[in-house]
Protein backbone atom coordinates (compact mmCIF):
# COMPACT_ATOMS: atom_id res chain seq x y z
CA MET A 1 -50.39 -48.72 93.62
CA ALA A 2 -47.11 -47.77 95.31
CA ARG A 3 -47.23 -45.87 98.56
CA GLU A 4 -46.17 -42.23 98.52
CA LEU A 5 -45.73 -39.33 100.91
CA CYS A 6 -48.41 -36.69 100.50
CA GLU A 7 -49.27 -33.51 102.40
CA VAL A 8 -52.98 -33.11 103.09
CA GLN A 9 -54.90 -30.30 104.72
CA GLY A 10 -57.54 -31.61 107.07
CA LEU A 11 -59.27 -32.03 110.41
CA ILE A 12 -58.99 -34.97 112.82
CA PHE A 13 -62.02 -36.80 114.24
CA LYS A 14 -63.07 -40.29 115.45
CA ARG A 15 -59.89 -41.20 117.31
CA LYS A 16 -59.61 -44.68 118.86
CA LYS A 17 -56.90 -46.92 120.32
CA TYR A 18 -55.17 -49.32 117.93
CA LYS A 19 -52.65 -51.97 118.99
CA GLU A 20 -50.58 -51.23 122.09
CA ALA A 21 -49.64 -47.57 121.67
CA ASP A 22 -51.08 -46.54 118.30
CA VAL A 23 -54.22 -44.61 117.43
CA LEU A 24 -56.49 -44.90 114.42
CA THR A 25 -58.22 -41.67 113.50
CA LYS A 26 -60.30 -40.32 110.67
CA ILE A 27 -59.21 -37.21 108.84
CA MET A 28 -61.47 -35.00 106.73
CA THR A 29 -59.29 -33.50 103.98
CA LYS A 30 -59.82 -30.68 101.55
CA ASP A 31 -58.76 -32.55 98.41
CA HIS A 32 -58.70 -36.29 99.19
CA GLY A 33 -61.93 -36.92 101.06
CA ILE A 34 -62.15 -38.75 104.38
CA PHE A 35 -59.81 -41.58 105.25
CA THR A 36 -58.24 -43.43 108.19
CA ILE A 37 -54.68 -42.83 109.38
CA ASP A 38 -52.53 -44.88 111.74
CA VAL A 39 -50.78 -42.62 114.25
CA ARG A 40 -47.98 -44.81 115.54
CA GLY A 41 -46.88 -44.31 119.13
CA ALA A 42 -49.61 -41.73 119.73
CA LEU A 43 -50.36 -43.06 123.22
CA ARG A 44 -46.77 -42.95 124.41
CA PRO A 45 -45.89 -40.14 126.87
CA LYS A 46 -44.89 -36.87 125.19
CA SER A 47 -45.77 -38.16 121.71
CA ARG A 48 -45.76 -35.23 119.28
CA LEU A 49 -47.89 -37.15 116.78
CA GLY A 50 -50.40 -37.98 119.50
CA ALA A 51 -50.73 -34.34 120.56
CA ALA A 52 -51.23 -33.25 116.94
CA THR A 53 -54.03 -35.75 116.32
CA LEU A 54 -56.42 -35.06 119.16
CA ASN A 55 -60.01 -34.74 117.98
CA PHE A 56 -60.80 -31.41 116.29
CA SER A 57 -57.15 -30.71 115.51
CA TYR A 58 -56.63 -29.28 112.03
CA GLY A 59 -53.69 -28.36 109.85
CA LYS A 60 -51.30 -30.00 107.41
CA TYR A 61 -50.50 -33.68 107.81
CA ILE A 62 -47.90 -35.65 105.85
CA VAL A 63 -49.11 -39.20 105.31
CA ASN A 64 -47.71 -42.33 103.70
CA THR A 65 -50.52 -43.63 101.52
CA ASN A 66 -51.54 -45.58 98.43
CA TRP A 67 -55.02 -43.99 98.52
CA LYS A 68 -56.81 -47.05 99.86
CA GLY A 69 -57.09 -48.75 103.22
CA ILE A 70 -55.23 -47.26 106.20
CA SER A 71 -52.64 -44.56 105.62
CA THR A 72 -49.82 -43.77 108.06
CA LEU A 73 -49.05 -40.39 109.57
CA ARG A 74 -45.40 -39.38 109.26
CA THR A 75 -45.37 -35.79 110.50
CA PHE A 76 -47.39 -32.56 110.59
CA LYS A 77 -47.12 -28.78 110.51
CA ASP A 78 -49.19 -25.72 111.39
CA VAL A 79 -51.62 -27.75 113.49
CA LYS A 80 -54.16 -26.01 115.71
CA GLN A 81 -57.17 -27.26 117.65
CA LEU A 82 -60.77 -26.11 117.90
CA ASP A 83 -60.40 -26.26 121.66
CA GLN A 84 -63.99 -25.46 122.61
CA LEU A 85 -65.22 -28.42 120.58
CA TYR A 86 -62.79 -30.61 122.48
CA LEU A 87 -63.54 -29.23 125.94
CA ASP A 88 -67.25 -28.39 125.90
CA LEU A 89 -69.50 -31.47 126.04
CA THR A 90 -72.43 -29.93 124.16
CA LYS A 91 -70.31 -28.42 121.39
CA ASN A 92 -68.43 -31.69 121.16
CA ALA A 93 -71.67 -33.63 120.75
CA TYR A 94 -73.03 -31.42 117.97
CA SER A 95 -69.69 -31.37 116.13
CA SER A 96 -69.20 -35.12 116.42
CA TYR A 97 -72.67 -35.69 114.97
CA VAL A 98 -72.02 -33.32 112.04
CA LEU A 99 -68.77 -35.11 111.21
CA ASP A 100 -70.43 -38.51 111.59
CA LEU A 101 -73.11 -37.51 109.07
CA LEU A 102 -70.44 -36.45 106.59
CA ASP A 103 -68.44 -39.63 107.18
CA HIS A 104 -71.44 -41.83 106.36
CA ALA A 105 -72.24 -39.89 103.18
CA PHE A 106 -68.95 -40.67 101.40
CA VAL A 107 -66.69 -43.66 100.84
CA GLU A 108 -63.05 -43.23 101.90
CA TYR A 109 -60.74 -41.17 99.66
CA LYS A 110 -63.64 -39.78 97.62
CA ASP A 111 -63.45 -36.01 97.12
CA ILE A 112 -66.13 -34.36 99.27
CA GLY A 113 -66.07 -31.13 97.27
CA SER A 114 -67.76 -28.10 98.80
CA PHE A 115 -68.80 -30.08 101.86
CA TYR A 116 -65.29 -29.64 103.28
CA ASP A 117 -65.74 -25.88 103.49
CA LEU A 118 -69.32 -26.27 104.76
CA ILE A 119 -68.24 -28.52 107.64
CA MET A 120 -65.17 -26.45 108.53
CA LYS A 121 -67.22 -23.25 108.63
CA ALA A 122 -69.89 -24.97 110.72
CA LEU A 123 -67.30 -26.23 113.22
CA LEU A 124 -65.64 -22.82 113.45
CA LYS A 125 -69.02 -21.22 114.16
CA ILE A 126 -69.88 -23.77 116.86
CA ASN A 127 -66.42 -23.36 118.37
CA SER A 128 -66.88 -19.57 118.55
CA GLY A 129 -70.17 -19.88 120.44
CA GLU A 130 -72.80 -19.51 117.73
CA ASP A 131 -76.03 -21.53 117.97
CA ALA A 132 -74.88 -25.14 117.62
CA ALA A 133 -78.39 -26.51 117.13
CA ILE A 134 -79.23 -24.16 114.25
CA ILE A 135 -75.85 -24.70 112.58
CA THR A 136 -76.33 -28.46 112.88
CA GLN A 137 -79.80 -28.25 111.35
CA MET A 138 -78.36 -26.30 108.43
CA VAL A 139 -75.68 -28.93 107.88
CA GLN A 140 -78.23 -31.74 108.16
CA LEU A 141 -80.35 -30.19 105.42
CA LYS A 142 -77.44 -29.50 103.09
CA LEU A 143 -75.96 -32.99 103.57
CA LEU A 144 -79.17 -34.57 102.28
CA ASN A 145 -77.79 -33.60 98.87
CA ALA A 146 -74.71 -35.75 99.51
CA TYR A 147 -76.96 -38.71 100.33
CA GLY A 148 -79.01 -38.14 97.17
CA VAL A 149 -82.30 -37.60 98.99
CA ALA A 150 -82.56 -33.80 99.12
CA PRO A 151 -86.19 -32.61 99.32
CA GLN A 152 -87.48 -29.83 97.09
CA LEU A 153 -87.51 -26.76 99.33
CA ASP A 154 -86.95 -23.93 96.89
CA ARG A 155 -90.40 -24.06 95.23
CA CYS A 156 -93.82 -25.66 95.48
CA LEU A 157 -93.90 -29.25 94.21
CA ILE A 158 -97.22 -28.63 92.45
CA CYS A 159 -96.95 -25.22 90.79
CA GLY A 160 -93.39 -24.01 91.36
CA LYS A 161 -94.31 -20.99 93.48
CA VAL A 162 -91.29 -19.68 95.41
CA GLN A 163 -92.94 -17.19 97.76
CA GLY A 164 -95.87 -17.42 100.13
CA VAL A 165 -97.07 -19.75 102.86
CA PHE A 166 -95.87 -23.36 102.63
CA ASP A 167 -96.32 -26.74 104.27
CA TYR A 168 -94.14 -29.83 103.89
CA SER A 169 -94.97 -33.30 102.60
CA MET A 170 -92.69 -36.08 103.84
CA GLU A 171 -94.19 -38.55 101.37
CA LEU A 172 -93.84 -36.27 98.34
CA GLY A 173 -90.44 -34.94 99.44
CA GLY A 174 -90.95 -31.20 99.25
CA ILE A 175 -92.96 -28.12 100.04
CA ILE A 176 -96.56 -27.35 99.06
CA CYS A 177 -97.85 -23.80 98.73
CA SER A 178 -101.12 -22.72 100.35
CA ASP A 179 -102.88 -22.74 96.95
CA HIS A 180 -102.73 -26.54 97.02
CA PHE A 181 -103.24 -27.31 100.71
CA ASN A 182 -106.72 -28.74 100.05
CA SER A 183 -105.54 -30.98 97.22
CA VAL A 184 -102.58 -32.58 99.02
CA SER A 185 -103.59 -34.90 101.83
CA GLN A 186 -100.02 -36.02 102.67
CA ARG A 187 -98.87 -32.72 104.16
CA MET A 188 -97.68 -32.27 107.75
CA HIS A 189 -99.80 -29.24 108.73
CA LEU A 190 -96.73 -27.45 110.07
CA ASP A 191 -96.59 -23.92 111.42
CA PRO A 192 -95.56 -21.77 108.39
CA LYS A 193 -92.74 -20.32 110.52
CA VAL A 194 -91.23 -23.80 110.89
CA VAL A 195 -91.27 -24.35 107.13
CA ALA A 196 -89.83 -20.87 106.55
CA LEU A 197 -86.94 -21.60 108.94
CA ILE A 198 -86.21 -24.96 107.32
CA ARG A 199 -86.23 -23.37 103.85
CA THR A 200 -83.86 -20.63 105.01
CA LEU A 201 -81.42 -23.09 106.55
CA ALA A 202 -81.47 -25.30 103.46
CA LEU A 203 -81.16 -22.58 100.84
CA VAL A 204 -78.97 -19.87 102.42
CA ASP A 205 -75.18 -20.12 102.30
CA ILE A 206 -73.61 -20.72 105.71
CA ASP A 207 -71.55 -17.53 105.31
CA ARG A 208 -74.80 -15.56 105.44
CA LEU A 209 -75.89 -17.16 108.70
CA GLY A 210 -75.14 -14.50 111.27
CA LYS A 211 -75.42 -14.64 115.04
CA ILE A 212 -79.20 -14.89 115.06
CA LYS A 213 -81.50 -15.79 117.94
CA ILE A 214 -84.24 -18.27 117.12
CA ASN A 215 -87.26 -18.85 119.33
CA PRO A 216 -86.48 -22.05 121.31
CA GLN A 217 -89.80 -23.73 120.45
CA LEU A 218 -89.42 -22.87 116.76
CA LYS A 219 -85.90 -24.30 116.79
CA LYS A 220 -87.13 -27.45 118.53
CA ASP A 221 -89.96 -27.91 116.03
CA SER A 222 -87.72 -27.46 112.99
CA GLY A 223 -85.26 -29.95 114.48
CA LYS A 224 -88.02 -32.55 114.86
CA VAL A 225 -89.01 -32.19 111.20
CA ILE A 226 -85.41 -32.52 110.00
CA ASP A 227 -84.91 -35.56 112.21
CA ARG A 228 -88.02 -37.11 110.66
CA MET A 229 -86.54 -36.50 107.21
CA TYR A 230 -83.46 -38.46 108.23
CA VAL A 231 -85.52 -41.31 109.68
CA ASN A 232 -87.85 -41.49 106.67
CA TYR A 233 -85.25 -41.07 103.94
CA LEU A 234 -82.11 -42.65 105.47
CA ASP A 235 -82.59 -44.21 108.94
CA LEU A 236 -78.86 -44.05 109.79
CA ASN A 237 -79.13 -44.90 113.50
CA LEU A 238 -75.91 -43.09 114.49
CA LYS A 239 -74.53 -43.34 118.02
CA THR A 240 -73.55 -39.67 117.89
CA LYS A 241 -77.17 -38.72 117.22
CA LYS A 242 -78.41 -40.89 120.06
CA PHE A 243 -75.95 -39.25 122.45
CA LEU A 244 -76.95 -35.78 121.26
CA ASP A 245 -80.62 -36.55 121.88
CA GLU A 246 -79.85 -37.92 125.33
CA LEU A 247 -77.84 -34.81 126.15
CA ALA A 248 -80.84 -32.63 125.28
CA LEU A 249 -82.83 -34.30 128.07
CA PHE A 250 -80.65 -32.78 130.78
């Protein structure tokens, strides 16, 4: 396929040095998925391309591409940066992990559909100071769909009940209502509030997630359950997740 110039709307992440003065970076785009671009001369002093491709920069990028392998950045326009994600270590860690999860869910140049808007909205919320941990948990749960391992959280696995008190079964991959607690041995015996929070985060649209305050212990417990889902169902072993967990120790 011949190379062509194409304008893409997207966000920059995973920047690393390439050759003497170039940079390779990933870009999450609205219509063409995630792919790698070569930013030539990005490390040279006063490079305009380099300044426009710092992590968490977003806007319109004109690339030379044949829709496989590494594309080349030619120019850009209307580029801004989510500066708090770049400057704040904690926000940076959460955002990097969210983008890493998305990156591992799709092959390059594959349309990521509604996940583009989900991730952009999540990053904007984290950048503005909303609860990064809760937003990340929401994204984690919704991205399980992209990996093809989404648990059943909308209704009881046994009878289909949608309201009431629920527990979660890691082995069965879904929630169990209290009517069947005695008949299901592989349930986690979670606090019903933890299950309720996980269900809310998985099922509610991110636009409906306001600036809410969640009890710290409840938030910690829900995070542990979601992390167990990822270990049990995927076991990705991401460096960004390891760094985020280490950061939480301080």
